[in-house]
Amino acid sequence: MNTAIKEKIIQVCNDKIAKKGDNVGLSFYAFFKNKNDNPKLLMEVATWWIETNKLDHFEKAVKIKQMILEA
């Protein structure tokens, strides 16, 4: 994944954690607008989430943030 989407993922995770605490879960859709204006990037993130890492539909934001920081 490119740097811009990684930064977006970390930002969204930080926002969700700040608002709802460390137990907040999210799906990869949280990183995109409701309008699918970049299907290639959506598929790239979905592939990373589902195929590469075999994550559940909802995962803890702290876990996703840590995974991105370590990638």
N, C-alpha and C. Protein backbone atom coordinates (compact mmCIF):
# COMPACT_ATOMS: atom_id res chain seq x y z
N MET A 1 0.84 -1.18 0.00
CA MET A 1 0.00 0.00 0.00
C MET A 1 0.88 1.24 0.00
N ASN A 2 0.37 2.29 -0.61
CA ASN A 2 1.16 3.51 -0.68
C ASN A 2 1.13 4.27 0.66
N THR A 3 2.02 5.21 0.77
CA THR A 3 2.17 5.98 2.00
C THR A 3 0.90 6.75 2.35
N ALA A 4 0.24 7.30 1.35
CA ALA A 4 -0.96 8.11 1.61
C ALA A 4 -2.06 7.28 2.28
N ILE A 5 -2.31 6.08 1.79
CA ILE A 5 -3.37 5.27 2.39
C ILE A 5 -2.95 4.77 3.77
N LYS A 6 -1.67 4.48 3.95
CA LYS A 6 -1.20 4.09 5.28
C LYS A 6 -1.42 5.21 6.29
N GLU A 7 -1.12 6.43 5.88
CA GLU A 7 -1.34 7.58 6.76
C GLU A 7 -2.82 7.77 7.05
N LYS A 8 -3.66 7.56 6.04
CA LYS A 8 -5.11 7.67 6.22
C LYS A 8 -5.61 6.61 7.20
N ILE A 9 -5.13 5.38 7.07
CA ILE A 9 -5.52 4.30 7.97
C ILE A 9 -5.15 4.65 9.41
N ILE A 10 -3.94 5.11 9.62
CA ILE A 10 -3.48 5.49 10.97
C ILE A 10 -4.33 6.63 11.51
N GLN A 11 -4.64 7.62 10.68
CA GLN A 11 -5.47 8.75 11.10
C GLN A 11 -6.87 8.29 11.51
N VAL A 12 -7.48 7.44 10.71
CA VAL A 12 -8.83 6.94 11.02
C VAL A 12 -8.79 6.13 12.31
N CYS A 13 -7.78 5.26 12.46
CA CYS A 13 -7.65 4.47 13.68
C CYS A 13 -7.50 5.38 14.90
N ASN A 14 -6.64 6.38 14.80
CA ASN A 14 -6.44 7.32 15.91
C ASN A 14 -7.73 8.04 16.27
N ASP A 15 -8.47 8.49 15.25
CA ASP A 15 -9.74 9.18 15.49
C ASP A 15 -10.75 8.27 16.19
N LYS A 16 -10.89 7.04 15.70
CA LYS A 16 -11.85 6.10 16.29
C LYS A 16 -11.46 5.76 17.73
N ILE A 17 -10.17 5.53 17.97
CA ILE A 17 -9.69 5.21 19.32
C ILE A 17 -9.94 6.38 20.26
N ALA A 18 -9.67 7.60 19.79
CA ALA A 18 -9.87 8.79 20.63
C ALA A 18 -11.34 8.96 21.00
N LYS A 19 -12.25 8.65 20.07
CA LYS A 19 -13.68 8.85 20.30
C LYS A 19 -14.32 7.71 21.08
N LYS A 20 -13.86 6.47 20.85
CA LYS A 20 -14.58 5.33 21.41
C LYS A 20 -13.74 4.38 22.26
N GLY A 21 -12.43 4.66 22.39
CA GLY A 21 -11.58 3.84 23.25
C GLY A 21 -10.86 2.73 22.51
N ASP A 22 -10.01 2.02 23.25
CA ASP A 22 -9.14 1.00 22.68
C ASP A 22 -9.86 -0.23 22.14
N ASN A 23 -11.10 -0.44 22.54
CA ASN A 23 -11.83 -1.62 22.09
C ASN A 23 -12.63 -1.39 20.81
N VAL A 24 -12.54 -0.21 20.24
CA VAL A 24 -13.33 0.09 19.04
C VAL A 24 -12.85 -0.77 17.87
N GLY A 25 -13.83 -1.29 17.14
CA GLY A 25 -13.54 -2.08 15.95
C GLY A 25 -13.91 -1.31 14.71
N LEU A 26 -13.32 -1.72 13.60
CA LEU A 26 -13.64 -1.11 12.32
C LEU A 26 -13.37 -2.10 11.20
N SER A 27 -13.91 -1.79 10.03
CA SER A 27 -13.65 -2.60 8.85
C SER A 27 -12.82 -1.76 7.89
N PHE A 28 -12.34 -2.39 6.83
CA PHE A 28 -11.52 -1.63 5.88
C PHE A 28 -12.33 -0.56 5.16
N TYR A 29 -13.65 -0.67 5.16
CA TYR A 29 -14.49 0.36 4.55
C TYR A 29 -14.38 1.70 5.29
N ALA A 30 -13.94 1.69 6.54
CA ALA A 30 -13.83 2.92 7.33
C ALA A 30 -12.83 3.90 6.73
N PHE A 31 -11.96 3.42 5.85
CA PHE A 31 -10.91 4.27 5.29
C PHE A 31 -11.32 4.94 3.99
N PHE A 32 -12.57 4.71 3.57
CA PHE A 32 -13.04 5.21 2.29
C PHE A 32 -14.36 5.95 2.46
N LYS A 33 -14.64 6.85 1.53
CA LYS A 33 -15.92 7.55 1.49
C LYS A 33 -16.99 6.55 1.06
N ASN A 34 -18.24 6.88 1.32
CA ASN A 34 -19.33 6.02 0.88
C ASN A 34 -19.37 5.88 -0.63
N LYS A 35 -18.90 6.89 -1.34
CA LYS A 35 -18.82 6.83 -2.79
C LYS A 35 -17.49 6.18 -3.17
N ASN A 36 -17.57 5.12 -3.94
CA ASN A 36 -16.36 4.40 -4.35
C ASN A 36 -15.69 5.13 -5.51
N ASP A 37 -14.85 6.11 -5.18
CA ASP A 37 -14.20 6.90 -6.22
C ASP A 37 -12.80 6.40 -6.56
N ASN A 38 -12.33 5.36 -5.88
CA ASN A 38 -11.02 4.79 -6.19
C ASN A 38 -11.07 3.28 -6.00
N PRO A 39 -11.71 2.57 -6.93
CA PRO A 39 -11.89 1.13 -6.76
C PRO A 39 -10.58 0.35 -6.70
N LYS A 40 -9.56 0.81 -7.40
CA LYS A 40 -8.27 0.12 -7.38
C LYS A 40 -7.67 0.14 -5.97
N LEU A 41 -7.71 1.30 -5.32
CA LEU A 41 -7.17 1.41 -3.96
C LEU A 41 -8.02 0.62 -2.97
N LEU A 42 -9.33 0.67 -3.14
CA LEU A 42 -10.22 -0.11 -2.29
C LEU A 42 -9.88 -1.59 -2.38
N MET A 43 -9.66 -2.09 -3.58
CA MET A 43 -9.32 -3.50 -3.77
C MET A 43 -7.94 -3.82 -3.19
N GLU A 44 -7.03 -2.89 -3.27
CA GLU A 44 -5.69 -3.10 -2.70
C GLU A 44 -5.78 -3.25 -1.18
N VAL A 45 -6.54 -2.38 -0.54
CA VAL A 45 -6.71 -2.46 0.91
C VAL A 45 -7.51 -3.71 1.29
N ALA A 46 -8.54 -4.02 0.51
CA ALA A 46 -9.34 -5.22 0.78
C ALA A 46 -8.49 -6.47 0.66
N THR A 47 -7.63 -6.52 -0.34
CA THR A 47 -6.73 -7.67 -0.52
C THR A 47 -5.78 -7.79 0.66
N TRP A 48 -5.23 -6.67 1.11
CA TRP A 48 -4.32 -6.67 2.27
C TRP A 48 -5.06 -7.18 3.50
N TRP A 49 -6.29 -6.72 3.67
CA TRP A 49 -7.10 -7.05 4.85
C TRP A 49 -7.55 -8.50 4.82
N ILE A 50 -8.14 -8.93 3.70
CA ILE A 50 -8.80 -10.23 3.62
C ILE A 50 -7.85 -11.36 3.23
N GLU A 51 -7.14 -11.19 2.12
CA GLU A 51 -6.31 -12.28 1.61
C GLU A 51 -4.94 -12.35 2.29
N THR A 52 -4.27 -11.22 2.39
CA THR A 52 -2.91 -11.22 2.94
C THR A 52 -2.90 -11.52 4.44
N ASN A 53 -3.76 -10.83 5.19
CA ASN A 53 -3.72 -10.94 6.64
C ASN A 53 -4.85 -11.77 7.24
N LYS A 54 -5.80 -12.19 6.40
CA LYS A 54 -6.91 -13.06 6.84
C LYS A 54 -7.62 -12.50 8.07
N LEU A 55 -7.90 -11.19 8.03
CA LEU A 55 -8.56 -10.52 9.13
C LEU A 55 -10.07 -10.72 9.04
N ASP A 56 -10.74 -10.65 10.17
CA ASP A 56 -12.19 -10.68 10.23
C ASP A 56 -12.73 -9.37 9.65
N HIS A 57 -14.05 -9.36 9.42
CA HIS A 57 -14.67 -8.15 8.86
C HIS A 57 -14.41 -6.95 9.76
N PHE A 58 -14.60 -7.12 11.06
CA PHE A 58 -14.30 -6.05 12.02
C PHE A 58 -13.09 -6.46 12.85
N GLU A 59 -12.16 -5.54 13.00
CA GLU A 59 -10.96 -5.75 13.83
C GLU A 59 -10.77 -4.51 14.70
N LYS A 60 -10.04 -4.69 15.78
CA LYS A 60 -9.75 -3.58 16.68
C LYS A 60 -8.86 -2.56 15.97
N ALA A 61 -9.20 -1.30 16.13
CA ALA A 61 -8.43 -0.23 15.50
C ALA A 61 -6.98 -0.23 15.97
N VAL A 62 -6.75 -0.54 17.25
CA VAL A 62 -5.37 -0.56 17.76
C VAL A 62 -4.55 -1.65 17.05
N LYS A 63 -5.16 -2.76 16.73
CA LYS A 63 -4.48 -3.85 16.03
C LYS A 63 -4.10 -3.42 14.61
N ILE A 64 -5.05 -2.82 13.90
CA ILE A 64 -4.80 -2.38 12.52
C ILE A 64 -3.72 -1.31 12.50
N LYS A 65 -3.81 -0.35 13.41
CA LYS A 65 -2.80 0.70 13.48
C LYS A 65 -1.41 0.10 13.69
N GLN A 66 -1.29 -0.84 14.60
CA GLN A 66 0.00 -1.47 14.88
C GLN A 66 0.51 -2.22 13.66
N MET A 67 -0.36 -2.92 12.97
CA MET A 67 0.04 -3.65 11.77
C MET A 67 0.58 -2.72 10.70
N ILE A 68 -0.08 -1.58 10.52
CA ILE A 68 0.36 -0.60 9.51
C ILE A 68 1.70 0.00 9.92
N LEU A 69 1.87 0.31 11.19
CA LEU A 69 3.12 0.89 11.66
C LEU A 69 4.29 -0.09 11.51
N GLU A 70 4.01 -1.37 11.62
CA GLU A 70 5.06 -2.39 11.51
C GLU A 70 5.34 -2.80 10.07
N ALA A 71 4.46 -2.41 9.16
CA ALA A 71 4.61 -2.82 7.74
C ALA A 71 5.68 -2.03 7.03
